[in-house]
N, C-alpha and C. Protein backbone atom coordinates (compact mmCIF):
# COMPACT_ATOMS: atom_id res chain seq x y z
N PRO A 1 0.76 -1.27 -0.05
CA PRO A 1 0.03 0.00 -0.04
C PRO A 1 0.82 1.25 0.09
N LEU A 2 0.28 2.34 -0.59
CA LEU A 2 0.98 3.51 -0.66
C LEU A 2 1.21 4.20 0.79
N PHE A 3 0.19 4.19 1.49
CA PHE A 3 0.35 4.68 2.96
C PHE A 3 0.13 3.58 3.89
N ARG A 4 0.93 3.38 4.87
CA ARG A 4 0.79 2.26 5.77
C ARG A 4 0.32 2.93 7.08
N SER A 5 -0.59 2.47 7.78
CA SER A 5 -0.90 2.91 9.10
C SER A 5 0.12 2.44 10.29
N LYS A 6 0.48 3.16 11.14
CA LYS A 6 1.37 2.78 12.16
C LYS A 6 0.57 2.12 13.37
N ARG A 7 1.18 1.28 14.19
CA ARG A 7 0.56 0.84 15.33
C ARG A 7 1.60 1.17 16.43
N TYR A 8 1.08 1.59 17.57
CA TYR A 8 1.77 1.84 18.72
C TYR A 8 1.47 0.88 19.91
N PHE A 9 2.54 0.40 20.40
CA PHE A 9 2.39 -0.53 21.61
C PHE A 9 3.01 0.14 22.79
N LEU A 10 2.15 0.49 23.77
CA LEU A 10 2.76 1.36 24.90
C LEU A 10 2.96 0.43 26.13
N VAL A 11 4.10 0.61 26.75
CA VAL A 11 4.35 -0.20 27.94
C VAL A 11 4.52 0.60 29.31
N VAL A 12 3.77 0.04 30.14
CA VAL A 12 3.62 0.60 31.61
C VAL A 12 4.41 -0.34 32.44
N TYR A 13 5.52 0.07 33.07
CA TYR A 13 6.51 -0.64 34.02
C TYR A 13 6.81 0.02 35.30
N THR A 14 5.92 1.02 35.68
CA THR A 14 6.50 1.61 36.99
C THR A 14 5.08 2.11 37.76
N PHE A 15 5.25 2.40 38.93
CA PHE A 15 4.21 2.63 39.80
C PHE A 15 4.32 3.96 40.44
N MET A 16 3.32 4.73 40.88
CA MET A 16 3.28 5.86 41.62
C MET A 16 2.97 5.82 42.96
N GLY A 17 3.58 6.30 43.84
CA GLY A 17 3.32 6.36 45.32
C GLY A 17 2.10 7.14 45.57
N ASN A 18 1.60 7.00 46.71
CA ASN A 18 0.40 7.76 47.31
C ASN A 18 0.70 9.46 47.09
N ASP A 19 2.01 9.61 47.22
CA ASP A 19 2.40 11.17 47.05
C ASP A 19 2.65 11.52 45.62
N LEU A 20 2.23 10.55 44.79
CA LEU A 20 2.52 10.79 43.28
C LEU A 20 3.94 10.82 42.71
N ALA A 21 4.75 10.44 43.59
CA ALA A 21 6.18 10.24 43.25
C ALA A 21 6.39 8.90 42.63
N ILE A 22 7.29 8.90 41.65
CA ILE A 22 7.49 7.73 40.88
C ILE A 22 8.41 6.69 41.85
N VAL A 23 7.95 5.54 41.98
CA VAL A 23 8.60 4.53 42.76
C VAL A 23 9.66 3.82 41.84
N PRO A 24 10.79 3.69 42.36
CA PRO A 24 11.84 2.95 41.48
C PRO A 24 11.38 1.53 40.92
N THR A 25 11.69 1.31 39.71
CA THR A 25 11.17 0.17 38.94
C THR A 25 12.10 -1.04 39.07
N PRO A 26 11.72 -2.20 39.72
CA PRO A 26 12.75 -3.24 39.74
C PRO A 26 12.93 -3.88 38.35
N ALA A 27 14.11 -4.60 38.10
CA ALA A 27 14.34 -5.14 36.86
C ALA A 27 13.43 -6.13 36.39
N GLN A 28 12.87 -6.99 37.38
CA GLN A 28 11.84 -8.04 37.06
C GLN A 28 10.54 -7.39 36.54
N ASP A 29 10.13 -6.20 36.94
CA ASP A 29 9.03 -5.42 36.42
C ASP A 29 9.27 -5.15 34.87
N ILE A 30 10.31 -4.70 34.67
CA ILE A 30 10.66 -4.30 33.32
C ILE A 30 10.90 -5.42 32.31
N THR A 31 11.36 -6.59 32.88
CA THR A 31 11.27 -7.83 32.05
C THR A 31 9.92 -8.25 31.75
N THR A 32 9.13 -8.23 32.81
CA THR A 32 7.60 -8.57 32.67
C THR A 32 6.98 -7.81 31.78
N ALA A 33 7.21 -6.51 31.75
CA ALA A 33 6.44 -5.62 30.76
C ALA A 33 7.16 -5.90 29.32
N LEU A 34 8.28 -6.19 29.15
CA LEU A 34 8.75 -6.40 27.81
C LEU A 34 8.25 -7.67 27.33
N PHE A 35 8.15 -8.77 28.14
CA PHE A 35 7.41 -9.88 27.64
C PHE A 35 6.15 -9.75 27.22
N LYS A 36 5.35 -8.87 27.94
CA LYS A 36 3.94 -8.70 27.49
C LYS A 36 3.96 -7.79 26.25
N LEU A 37 4.83 -6.88 26.15
CA LEU A 37 5.01 -6.02 24.91
C LEU A 37 5.23 -7.15 23.74
N TRP A 38 6.08 -8.07 23.87
CA TRP A 38 6.34 -9.10 22.67
C TRP A 38 5.08 -9.86 22.51
N ASP A 39 4.31 -10.26 23.38
CA ASP A 39 3.08 -10.97 23.14
C ASP A 39 2.09 -10.04 22.36
N ALA A 40 2.04 -8.78 22.78
CA ALA A 40 0.95 -8.01 22.09
C ALA A 40 1.53 -7.67 20.58
N VAL A 41 2.81 -7.56 20.43
CA VAL A 41 3.38 -7.32 19.06
C VAL A 41 3.09 -8.50 18.18
N ARG A 42 3.32 -9.77 18.83
CA ARG A 42 3.01 -10.91 18.06
C ARG A 42 1.59 -11.03 17.63
N GLN A 43 0.72 -10.71 18.62
CA GLN A 43 -0.71 -10.85 18.31
C GLN A 43 -1.26 -9.76 17.28
N SER A 44 -0.79 -8.46 17.58
CA SER A 44 -1.47 -7.47 16.76
C SER A 44 -0.56 -6.72 15.84
N GLY A 45 0.83 -7.08 15.75
CA GLY A 45 1.74 -6.22 14.95
C GLY A 45 1.83 -6.61 13.49
N GLN A 46 1.12 -7.61 13.05
CA GLN A 46 1.00 -7.93 11.54
C GLN A 46 2.44 -8.31 11.04
N ASN A 47 3.25 -8.80 11.82
CA ASN A 47 4.58 -9.21 11.54
C ASN A 47 5.42 -8.12 10.96
N ASP A 48 5.07 -6.82 11.11
CA ASP A 48 5.83 -5.60 10.78
C ASP A 48 6.98 -5.62 11.78
N ALA A 49 8.21 -4.97 11.20
CA ALA A 49 9.30 -4.77 11.99
C ALA A 49 8.74 -3.78 13.28
N VAL A 50 9.39 -3.78 14.31
CA VAL A 50 9.07 -2.98 15.44
C VAL A 50 10.28 -2.15 15.94
N ALA A 51 10.12 -1.00 16.34
CA ALA A 51 11.12 -0.04 16.74
C ALA A 51 10.79 0.16 18.24
N VAL A 52 11.89 0.05 19.10
CA VAL A 52 11.73 0.22 20.51
C VAL A 52 12.81 1.21 21.05
N PRO A 53 12.39 2.20 21.83
CA PRO A 53 13.51 2.99 22.38
C PRO A 53 14.05 2.33 23.75
N VAL A 54 15.11 2.76 24.18
CA VAL A 54 15.64 2.20 25.49
C VAL A 54 14.74 2.75 26.52
N ILE A 55 13.96 1.78 27.20
CA ILE A 55 13.04 2.21 28.22
C ILE A 55 13.64 2.10 29.52
N ALA A 56 12.99 2.76 30.56
CA ALA A 56 13.35 2.69 31.91
C ALA A 56 14.71 3.34 32.35
N SER A 57 15.16 4.13 31.37
CA SER A 57 16.47 4.83 31.67
C SER A 57 16.38 6.32 32.22
N GLY A 58 14.99 6.67 32.22
CA GLY A 58 14.68 8.15 32.71
C GLY A 58 14.06 8.24 34.19
N PRO A 59 12.69 8.74 34.10
CA PRO A 59 12.11 8.96 35.40
C PRO A 59 11.72 7.55 35.93
N ALA A 60 11.76 6.41 35.38
CA ALA A 60 11.32 5.17 35.98
C ALA A 60 12.35 4.88 37.00
N ARG A 61 13.56 5.34 37.01
CA ARG A 61 14.61 5.19 37.98
C ARG A 61 14.92 3.62 38.36
N SER A 62 15.17 2.91 37.19
CA SER A 62 15.38 1.45 37.38
C SER A 62 16.76 1.24 37.89
N GLY A 63 17.65 2.23 37.82
CA GLY A 63 18.97 2.07 38.46
C GLY A 63 19.94 1.25 37.59
N LEU A 64 19.45 0.67 36.43
CA LEU A 64 20.21 0.01 35.50
C LEU A 64 20.75 0.87 34.40
N SER A 65 22.01 0.50 34.01
CA SER A 65 22.74 1.06 32.93
C SER A 65 21.86 1.06 31.64
N ARG A 66 22.09 1.90 30.84
CA ARG A 66 21.42 1.87 29.40
C ARG A 66 21.94 0.54 28.72
N THR A 67 23.15 0.24 28.92
CA THR A 67 23.66 -0.99 28.19
C THR A 67 22.95 -2.10 28.69
N THR A 68 22.78 -2.29 30.01
CA THR A 68 21.88 -3.48 30.69
C THR A 68 20.47 -3.35 30.06
N LEU A 69 19.95 -2.06 29.89
CA LEU A 69 18.53 -2.08 29.48
C LEU A 69 18.34 -2.58 28.04
N VAL A 70 19.36 -2.13 27.30
CA VAL A 70 19.40 -2.68 25.80
C VAL A 70 19.49 -4.11 25.82
N LYS A 71 20.41 -4.71 26.65
CA LYS A 71 20.43 -6.14 26.80
C LYS A 71 19.18 -6.80 27.08
N MET A 72 18.50 -6.27 28.07
CA MET A 72 17.23 -6.88 28.40
C MET A 72 16.26 -6.72 27.27
N ILE A 73 16.18 -5.79 26.55
CA ILE A 73 15.28 -5.64 25.39
C ILE A 73 15.55 -6.82 24.51
N MET A 74 16.89 -6.97 24.19
CA MET A 74 17.30 -7.86 23.04
C MET A 74 17.11 -9.40 23.68
N LEU A 75 17.44 -9.56 24.91
CA LEU A 75 17.20 -11.01 25.47
C LEU A 75 15.72 -11.29 25.58
N THR A 76 14.89 -10.42 25.97
CA THR A 76 13.56 -10.73 26.10
C THR A 76 12.87 -10.89 24.69
N PHE A 77 13.36 -10.22 23.81
CA PHE A 77 12.82 -10.37 22.41
C PHE A 77 13.37 -11.77 21.86
N LEU A 78 14.69 -11.91 21.91
CA LEU A 78 15.17 -13.29 21.49
C LEU A 78 14.51 -14.44 22.10
N THR A 79 14.31 -14.44 23.37
CA THR A 79 13.60 -15.43 24.05
C THR A 79 12.14 -15.61 23.68
N ALA A 80 11.41 -14.57 23.46
CA ALA A 80 10.06 -14.61 23.11
C ALA A 80 10.01 -14.97 21.61
N HIS A 81 10.79 -14.64 20.86
CA HIS A 81 11.07 -14.97 19.49
C HIS A 81 11.36 -16.44 19.14
N ALA A 82 12.21 -17.08 20.09
CA ALA A 82 12.54 -18.46 19.98
C ALA A 82 11.38 -19.26 20.11
N THR A 83 10.51 -18.98 20.96
CA THR A 83 9.33 -19.92 21.24
C THR A 83 8.27 -19.86 20.16
N ASN A 84 8.02 -18.63 19.86
CA ASN A 84 6.98 -18.29 18.71
C ASN A 84 7.34 -17.10 18.08
N PRO A 85 7.59 -16.91 16.80
CA PRO A 85 8.07 -15.68 16.24
C PRO A 85 7.38 -14.36 16.65
N VAL A 86 7.95 -13.32 17.00
CA VAL A 86 7.24 -12.22 17.25
C VAL A 86 7.03 -11.18 16.19
N THR A 87 8.10 -11.03 15.29
CA THR A 87 7.99 -9.98 14.26
C THR A 87 9.28 -10.25 13.33
N LYS A 88 9.18 -9.60 12.09
CA LYS A 88 10.30 -9.96 11.16
C LYS A 88 11.53 -9.12 11.59
N GLY A 89 11.46 -8.15 12.53
CA GLY A 89 12.64 -7.38 12.74
C GLY A 89 12.40 -6.46 13.92
N LEU A 90 13.48 -6.17 14.59
CA LEU A 90 13.55 -5.33 15.86
C LEU A 90 14.59 -4.22 15.68
N ASP A 91 14.25 -3.09 15.73
CA ASP A 91 15.24 -1.99 15.84
C ASP A 91 15.14 -1.31 17.20
N ILE A 92 16.36 -1.22 17.78
CA ILE A 92 16.34 -0.51 19.18
C ILE A 92 16.96 0.90 18.94
N TYR A 93 16.38 1.76 19.47
CA TYR A 93 16.69 3.27 19.21
C TYR A 93 17.29 3.71 20.61
N VAL A 94 18.52 4.35 20.52
CA VAL A 94 18.99 4.96 21.61
C VAL A 94 19.15 6.30 21.34
N HIS A 95 18.59 7.22 22.15
CA HIS A 95 18.47 8.70 22.01
C HIS A 95 19.77 9.31 22.01
N PRO A 96 20.08 10.32 21.03
CA PRO A 96 21.40 10.74 20.97
C PRO A 96 22.07 11.17 22.26
N SER A 97 21.39 11.77 23.07
CA SER A 97 21.95 12.02 24.40
C SER A 97 22.36 10.87 25.24
N ASP A 98 21.87 9.63 25.01
CA ASP A 98 22.12 8.56 25.73
C ASP A 98 23.37 7.58 25.08
N MET A 99 23.83 8.05 23.77
CA MET A 99 24.86 7.33 23.21
C MET A 99 26.10 7.26 23.92
N LYS A 100 26.47 8.17 24.54
CA LYS A 100 27.74 8.07 25.42
C LYS A 100 27.60 7.18 26.66
N HIS A 101 26.35 6.78 26.97
CA HIS A 101 26.10 5.92 28.09
C HIS A 101 25.84 4.43 27.67
N VAL A 102 26.04 4.15 26.31
CA VAL A 102 25.82 2.80 25.96
C VAL A 102 27.17 2.33 25.50
N ASP A 103 27.45 1.10 25.88
CA ASP A 103 28.74 0.36 25.50
C ASP A 103 28.46 -0.46 24.36
N PHE A 104 28.63 0.00 23.10
CA PHE A 104 28.23 -0.76 21.90
C PHE A 104 29.15 -1.99 21.73
N ASN A 105 30.35 -1.83 22.18
CA ASN A 105 31.19 -2.96 22.01
C ASN A 105 30.91 -4.20 23.00
N ALA A 106 30.24 -3.84 24.14
CA ALA A 106 29.71 -4.79 25.09
C ALA A 106 28.42 -5.51 24.30
N LEU A 107 27.66 -4.69 23.76
CA LEU A 107 26.49 -5.23 23.06
C LEU A 107 26.85 -6.19 22.02
N LYS A 108 27.75 -5.72 21.21
CA LYS A 108 28.29 -6.57 20.14
C LYS A 108 28.71 -7.88 20.54
N LEU A 109 29.51 -7.98 21.60
CA LEU A 109 30.05 -9.22 22.34
C LEU A 109 28.81 -9.90 22.86
N PHE A 110 27.96 -9.34 23.52
CA PHE A 110 26.79 -10.04 24.15
C PHE A 110 25.99 -10.73 23.03
N LEU A 111 25.75 -10.16 21.87
CA LEU A 111 25.08 -10.67 20.74
C LEU A 111 25.88 -11.92 20.16
N GLN A 112 27.23 -11.72 20.06
CA GLN A 112 27.98 -12.86 19.51
C GLN A 112 27.97 -14.04 20.34
N ASN A 113 27.84 -13.82 21.68
CA ASN A 113 27.78 -14.99 22.63
C ASN A 113 26.43 -15.66 23.12
N ILE A 114 25.39 -15.11 22.41
CA ILE A 114 24.05 -15.83 22.65
C ILE A 114 23.86 -17.03 21.82
């Protein structure tokens, strides 16, 4: 088709306290949210490639490095995809201001050893 509609899958992985302050997000909650994301993409993504930003690096206060967060995105995707294909492609976007906080050599080594 000449014009393709875009689909957006939104992930919620944090909680707010009674004082409306954001509560730090445990890694397990991020992992759970990512697996639920891959399930939603598998069911409704029409096998289109998906683009995902590095999540949980800002106000969510996960305490994890951006490199670790990218690894979590990759590992959960690959795990979900191994059981039942999720989509034909995954692009992970790193915001330009975060580039200096991501160890791309470590990510390359990580992927080579999976």
